[in-house]
Amino acid sequence: PATVRLSNGAPGIAPDWRPNVRGMGLKVHSVPGVKLLTGDEGAECVDFLLANHPTSFHTVLEDYPGVQALMSVGNLKGVLKQFPVEGKLILHAVLKVVKNLCNTTYHSQTPYALGDGAIKYQLVPQTSWWQSICSFFTIPNFFDPAYLRHGAVKTLRKRPVKFTLCVRL
């Protein structure tokens, strides 16, 4: 069993047509074993945080607080001026048009250690060829400020949504 939460990257509530990174939080329950996170060693769940963009916007860890401070108040212009590399990465990510959250591929944006190597996670929607074709030709109702929410509800009322959890070396 799992709990899923769909979200936006930017803080606050905004219309869905506003450029943003889309995310999925996935909590998988009933996972036995000792966890590495201090304080959660006995937890029986595993959490995944994924976004519709495959890489992080942060190229230098020390710049993270400055970029986050500017983005938390919606100052993309300030990010582009003070942190041009990160600003361009953010623009590339937020300008992707998402038609339906249920048909979107989600990625862990950072790698995780696995022995001597590293892995990334990816959630790929399982759709039929017909659903893929219909999705390609569908134009979202951008006049609806909650078109992503309404599209997800409509999809979930029609059919179950399934994703494949991929582990990429």
C-alpha atoms as a PDB file:
ATOM      1  CA  PRO A   1       0.000   0.000   0.000  1.00  0.00           C
ATOM      2  CA  ALA A   2       1.081   3.572  -0.689  1.00  0.00           C
ATOM      3  CA  THR A   3      -0.032   7.141  -0.140  1.00  0.00           C
ATOM      4  CA  VAL A   4       0.421   9.589  -3.015  1.00  0.00           C
ATOM      5  CA  ARG A   5       0.475  13.380  -2.890  1.00  0.00           C
ATOM      6  CA  LEU A   6       0.605  15.545  -6.006  1.00  0.00           C
ATOM      7  CA  SER A   7       2.031  19.038  -5.624  1.00  0.00           C
ATOM      8  CA  ASN A   8       3.584  22.129  -7.153  1.00  0.00           C
ATOM      9  CA  GLY A   9       7.169  23.209  -6.634  1.00  0.00           C
ATOM     10  CA  ALA A  10       6.463  26.848  -5.792  1.00  0.00           C
ATOM     11  CA  PRO A  11       4.954  27.753  -2.432  1.00  0.00           C
ATOM     12  CA  GLY A  12       1.389  28.963  -2.148  1.00  0.00           C
ATOM     13  CA  ILE A  13      -1.677  28.450  -4.280  1.00  0.00           C
ATOM     14  CA  ALA A  14      -1.604  29.582  -7.897  1.00  0.00           C
ATOM     15  CA  PRO A  15      -3.522  28.765 -11.074  1.00  0.00           C
ATOM     16  CA  ASP A  16      -2.337  25.609 -12.820  1.00  0.00           C
ATOM     17  CA  TRP A  17      -1.477  27.512 -16.007  1.00  0.00           C
ATOM     18  CA  ARG A  18       1.262  29.400 -14.122  1.00  0.00           C
ATOM     19  CA  PRO A  19       4.691  27.853 -14.890  1.00  0.00           C
ATOM     20  CA  ASN A  20       5.727  25.489 -12.132  1.00  0.00           C
ATOM     21  CA  VAL A  21       7.433  22.202 -11.423  1.00  0.00           C
ATOM     22  CA  ARG A  22       4.950  19.410 -10.668  1.00  0.00           C
ATOM     23  CA  GLY A  23       5.772  16.864  -8.022  1.00  0.00           C
ATOM     24  CA  MET A  24       4.712  13.580  -6.546  1.00  0.00           C
ATOM     25  CA  GLY A  25       5.349  12.439  -3.000  1.00  0.00           C
ATOM     26  CA  LEU A  26       5.079   8.683  -2.594  1.00  0.00           C
ATOM     27  CA  LYS A  27       4.990   6.972   0.805  1.00  0.00           C
ATOM     28  CA  VAL A  28       5.219   3.194   0.491  1.00  0.00           C
ATOM     29  CA  HIS A  29       3.882   1.509   3.652  1.00  0.00           C
ATOM     30  CA  SER A  30       4.737  -1.879   5.193  1.00  0.00           C
ATOM     31  CA  VAL A  31       8.412  -1.840   4.212  1.00  0.00           C
ATOM     32  CA  PRO A  32      10.384  -3.849   6.799  1.00  0.00           C
ATOM     33  CA  GLY A  33      14.014  -3.263   7.676  1.00  0.00           C
ATOM     34  CA  VAL A  34      16.186  -0.729   9.454  1.00  0.00           C
ATOM     35  CA  LYS A  35      16.125   2.745   7.896  1.00  0.00           C
ATOM     36  CA  LEU A  36      19.176   5.003   7.701  1.00  0.00           C
ATOM     37  CA  LEU A  37      17.429   8.284   8.575  1.00  0.00           C
ATOM     38  CA  THR A  38      18.197   9.247  12.171  1.00  0.00           C
ATOM     39  CA  GLY A  39      15.047   8.969  14.242  1.00  0.00           C
ATOM     40  CA  ASP A  40      13.257   6.836  11.643  1.00  0.00           C
ATOM     41  CA  GLU A  41      15.326   3.664  11.977  1.00  0.00           C
ATOM     42  CA  GLY A  42      12.223   1.647  12.936  1.00  0.00           C
ATOM     43  CA  ALA A  43       9.846   3.218  10.417  1.00  0.00           C
ATOM     44  CA  GLU A  44       7.845   0.776   8.326  1.00  0.00           C
ATOM     45  CA  CYS A  45       7.652   3.037   5.282  1.00  0.00           C
ATOM     46  CA  VAL A  46       9.850   4.485   2.554  1.00  0.00           C
ATOM     47  CA  ASP A  47       9.362   7.968   1.089  1.00  0.00           C
ATOM     48  CA  PHE A  48      10.106   9.097  -2.452  1.00  0.00           C
ATOM     49  CA  LEU A  49      10.004  12.727  -3.574  1.00  0.00           C
ATOM     50  CA  LEU A  50       9.870  13.095  -7.342  1.00  0.00           C
ATOM     51  CA  ALA A  51       9.319  15.887  -9.879  1.00  0.00           C
ATOM     52  CA  ASN A  52       8.449  16.152 -13.553  1.00  0.00           C
ATOM     53  CA  HIS A  53      11.980  17.393 -14.303  1.00  0.00           C
ATOM     54  CA  PRO A  54      14.875  14.877 -14.160  1.00  0.00           C
ATOM     55  CA  THR A  55      17.553  17.026 -12.515  1.00  0.00           C
ATOM     56  CA  SER A  56      17.925  19.421  -9.624  1.00  0.00           C
ATOM     57  CA  PHE A  57      18.249  23.145 -10.272  1.00  0.00           C
ATOM     58  CA  HIS A  58      21.141  23.419  -7.838  1.00  0.00           C
ATOM     59  CA  THR A  59      24.630  23.024  -9.258  1.00  0.00           C
ATOM     60  CA  VAL A  60      26.497  24.313  -6.197  1.00  0.00           C
ATOM     61  CA  LEU A  61      25.279  23.181  -2.774  1.00  0.00           C
ATOM     62  CA  GLU A  62      26.406  26.438  -1.120  1.00  0.00           C
ATOM     63  CA  ASP A  63      24.076  28.421  -3.433  1.00  0.00           C
ATOM     64  CA  TYR A  64      21.007  26.434  -2.344  1.00  0.00           C
ATOM     65  CA  PRO A  65      19.895  28.806   0.486  1.00  0.00           C
ATOM     66  CA  GLY A  66      20.196  31.886  -1.734  1.00  0.00           C
ATOM     67  CA  VAL A  67      18.277  30.340  -4.628  1.00  0.00           C
ATOM     68  CA  GLN A  68      15.575  28.998  -2.296  1.00  0.00           C
ATOM     69  CA  ALA A  69      15.198  32.358  -0.531  1.00  0.00           C
ATOM     70  CA  LEU A  70      14.619  34.129  -3.840  1.00  0.00           C
ATOM     71  CA  MET A  71      12.298  31.422  -5.199  1.00  0.00           C
ATOM     72  CA  SER A  72      10.227  31.338  -1.987  1.00  0.00           C
ATOM     73  CA  VAL A  73       9.086  34.887  -2.770  1.00  0.00           C
ATOM     74  CA  GLY A  74       8.753  34.225  -6.497  1.00  0.00           C
ATOM     75  CA  ASN A  75      11.799  36.281  -7.485  1.00  0.00           C
ATOM     76  CA  LEU A  76      12.944  34.342 -10.562  1.00  0.00           C
ATOM     77  CA  LYS A  77      14.457  37.534 -11.975  1.00  0.00           C
ATOM     78  CA  GLY A  78      16.717  37.733  -8.907  1.00  0.00           C
ATOM     79  CA  VAL A  79      17.741  34.085  -9.354  1.00  0.00           C
ATOM     80  CA  LEU A  80      18.585  34.699 -13.018  1.00  0.00           C
ATOM     81  CA  LYS A  81      20.694  37.709 -12.034  1.00  0.00           C
ATOM     82  CA  GLN A  82      22.531  36.255  -9.000  1.00  0.00           C
ATOM     83  CA  PHE A  83      22.579  32.563  -9.984  1.00  0.00           C
ATOM     84  CA  PRO A  84      22.314  32.454 -13.808  1.00  0.00           C
ATOM     85  CA  VAL A  85      23.040  28.730 -14.205  1.00  0.00           C
ATOM     86  CA  GLU A  86      20.390  27.729 -11.662  1.00  0.00           C
ATOM     87  CA  GLY A  87      17.978  30.296 -13.102  1.00  0.00           C
ATOM     88  CA  LYS A  88      18.244  28.780 -16.574  1.00  0.00           C
ATOM     89  CA  LEU A  89      17.718  25.283 -15.150  1.00  0.00           C
ATOM     90  CA  ILE A  90      14.623  26.490 -13.283  1.00  0.00           C
ATOM     91  CA  LEU A  91      13.235  28.140 -16.426  1.00  0.00           C
ATOM     92  CA  HIS A  92      13.800  24.950 -18.422  1.00  0.00           C
ATOM     93  CA  ALA A  93      11.915  22.957 -15.782  1.00  0.00           C
ATOM     94  CA  VAL A  94       8.963  25.252 -15.102  1.00  0.00           C
ATOM     95  CA  LEU A  95       8.182  25.983 -18.753  1.00  0.00           C
ATOM     96  CA  LYS A  96       7.171  22.361 -19.433  1.00  0.00           C
ATOM     97  CA  VAL A  97       3.450  22.125 -20.129  1.00  0.00           C
ATOM     98  CA  VAL A  98       1.836  19.403 -18.043  1.00  0.00           C
ATOM     99  CA  LYS A  99      -1.470  18.231 -19.471  1.00  0.00           C
ATOM    100  CA  ASN A 100      -2.434  15.641 -16.860  1.00  0.00           C
ATOM    101  CA  LEU A 101      -0.672  14.708 -13.621  1.00  0.00           C
ATOM    102  CA  CYS A 102      -1.739  11.073 -14.088  1.00  0.00           C
ATOM    103  CA  ASN A 103       0.130  10.774 -17.404  1.00  0.00           C
ATOM    104  CA  THR A 104       3.357  12.485 -16.333  1.00  0.00           C
ATOM    105  CA  THR A 105       6.741  10.862 -15.712  1.00  0.00           C
ATOM    106  CA  TYR A 106       8.292  11.813 -12.371  1.00  0.00           C
ATOM    107  CA  HIS A 107      11.997  11.664 -11.423  1.00  0.00           C
ATOM    108  CA  SER A 108      14.114  11.840  -8.298  1.00  0.00           C
ATOM    109  CA  GLN A 109      16.125  14.954  -9.006  1.00  0.00           C
ATOM    110  CA  THR A 110      19.204  13.882  -7.107  1.00  0.00           C
ATOM    111  CA  PRO A 111      21.148  10.601  -7.053  1.00  0.00           C
ATOM    112  CA  TYR A 112      21.217   8.279  -4.057  1.00  0.00           C
ATOM    113  CA  ALA A 113      24.076   6.029  -2.919  1.00  0.00           C
ATOM    114  CA  LEU A 114      23.856   2.339  -3.696  1.00  0.00           C
ATOM    115  CA  GLY A 115      27.040   0.544  -2.660  1.00  0.00           C
ATOM    116  CA  ASP A 116      29.906   2.094  -4.622  1.00  0.00           C
ATOM    117  CA  GLY A 117      27.531   3.585  -7.207  1.00  0.00           C
ATOM    118  CA  ALA A 118      24.518   5.837  -7.396  1.00  0.00           C
ATOM    119  CA  ILE A 119      20.909   5.439  -8.483  1.00  0.00           C
ATOM    120  CA  LYS A 120      17.982   7.639  -9.424  1.00  0.00           C
ATOM    121  CA  TYR A 121      14.312   6.775  -9.341  1.00  0.00           C
ATOM    122  CA  GLN A 122      11.698   7.334 -11.990  1.00  0.00           C
ATOM    123  CA  LEU A 123       7.925   6.810 -11.963  1.00  0.00           C
ATOM    124  CA  VAL A 124       6.653   6.109 -15.478  1.00  0.00           C
ATOM    125  CA  PRO A 125       2.901   6.061 -16.107  1.00  0.00           C
ATOM    126  CA  GLN A 126       1.530   2.816 -17.508  1.00  0.00           C
ATOM    127  CA  THR A 127      -0.715   3.902 -20.345  1.00  0.00           C
ATOM    128  CA  SER A 128      -2.056   2.089 -23.373  1.00  0.00           C
ATOM    129  CA  TRP A 129      -1.048   3.202 -26.851  1.00  0.00           C
ATOM    130  CA  TRP A 130      -4.558   4.648 -27.268  1.00  0.00           C
ATOM    131  CA  GLN A 131      -4.297   6.670 -24.040  1.00  0.00           C
ATOM    132  CA  SER A 132      -0.901   7.988 -25.178  1.00  0.00           C
ATOM    133  CA  ILE A 133      -2.289   9.111 -28.532  1.00  0.00           C
ATOM    134  CA  CYS A 134      -5.336  10.747 -26.914  1.00  0.00           C
ATOM    135  CA  SER A 135      -3.097  12.486 -24.382  1.00  0.00           C
ATOM    136  CA  PHE A 136      -0.818  13.805 -27.134  1.00  0.00           C
ATOM    137  CA  PHE A 137      -3.743  15.462 -28.946  1.00  0.00           C
ATOM    138  CA  THR A 138      -5.520  16.709 -25.814  1.00  0.00           C
ATOM    139  CA  ILE A 139      -5.393  20.440 -25.164  1.00  0.00           C
ATOM    140  CA  PRO A 140      -5.883  21.344 -21.499  1.00  0.00           C
ATOM    141  CA  ASN A 141      -8.495  23.931 -20.545  1.00  0.00           C
ATOM    142  CA  PHE A 142      -6.076  26.681 -19.535  1.00  0.00           C
ATOM    143  CA  PHE A 143      -9.064  28.900 -18.659  1.00  0.00           C
ATOM    144  CA  ASP A 144      -9.708  26.551 -15.710  1.00  0.00           C
ATOM    145  CA  PRO A 145      -7.304  27.612 -12.927  1.00  0.00           C
ATOM    146  CA  ALA A 146      -7.469  24.050 -11.501  1.00  0.00           C
ATOM    147  CA  TYR A 147      -7.272  22.133 -14.781  1.00  0.00           C
ATOM    148  CA  LEU A 148      -4.634  19.740 -13.402  1.00  0.00           C
ATOM    149  CA  ARG A 149      -6.760  18.833 -10.383  1.00  0.00           C
ATOM    150  CA  HIS A 150      -9.869  18.427 -12.519  1.00  0.00           C
ATOM    151  CA  GLY A 151      -7.986  16.363 -15.109  1.00  0.00           C
ATOM    152  CA  ALA A 152      -6.616  14.028 -12.430  1.00  0.00           C
ATOM    153  CA  VAL A 153     -10.072  13.582 -10.896  1.00  0.00           C
ATOM    154  CA  LYS A 154     -11.583  12.859 -14.317  1.00  0.00           C
ATOM    155  CA  THR A 155      -8.856  10.316 -15.114  1.00  0.00           C
ATOM    156  CA  LEU A 156      -9.160   8.575 -11.737  1.00  0.00           C
ATOM    157  CA  ARG A 157     -12.935   8.301 -12.132  1.00  0.00           C
ATOM    158  CA  LYS A 158     -12.466   6.586 -15.508  1.00  0.00           C
ATOM    159  CA  ARG A 159      -9.656   4.161 -14.699  1.00  0.00           C
ATOM    160  CA  PRO A 160      -7.025   3.202 -12.153  1.00  0.00           C
ATOM    161  CA  VAL A 161      -3.707   4.944 -12.623  1.00  0.00           C
ATOM    162  CA  LYS A 162      -0.562   2.816 -12.481  1.00  0.00           C
ATOM    163  CA  PHE A 163       3.086   3.777 -12.531  1.00  0.00           C
ATOM    164  CA  THR A 164       6.209   1.659 -12.885  1.00  0.00           C
ATOM    165  CA  LEU A 165       8.894   2.476 -10.320  1.00  0.00           C
ATOM    166  CA  CYS A 166      12.202   2.365 -12.205  1.00  0.00           C
ATOM    167  CA  VAL A 167      15.650   2.350 -10.637  1.00  0.00           C
ATOM    168  CA  ARG A 168      18.301   3.860 -12.898  1.00  0.00           C
ATOM    169  CA  LEU A 169      21.999   3.245 -12.268  1.00  0.00           C
END
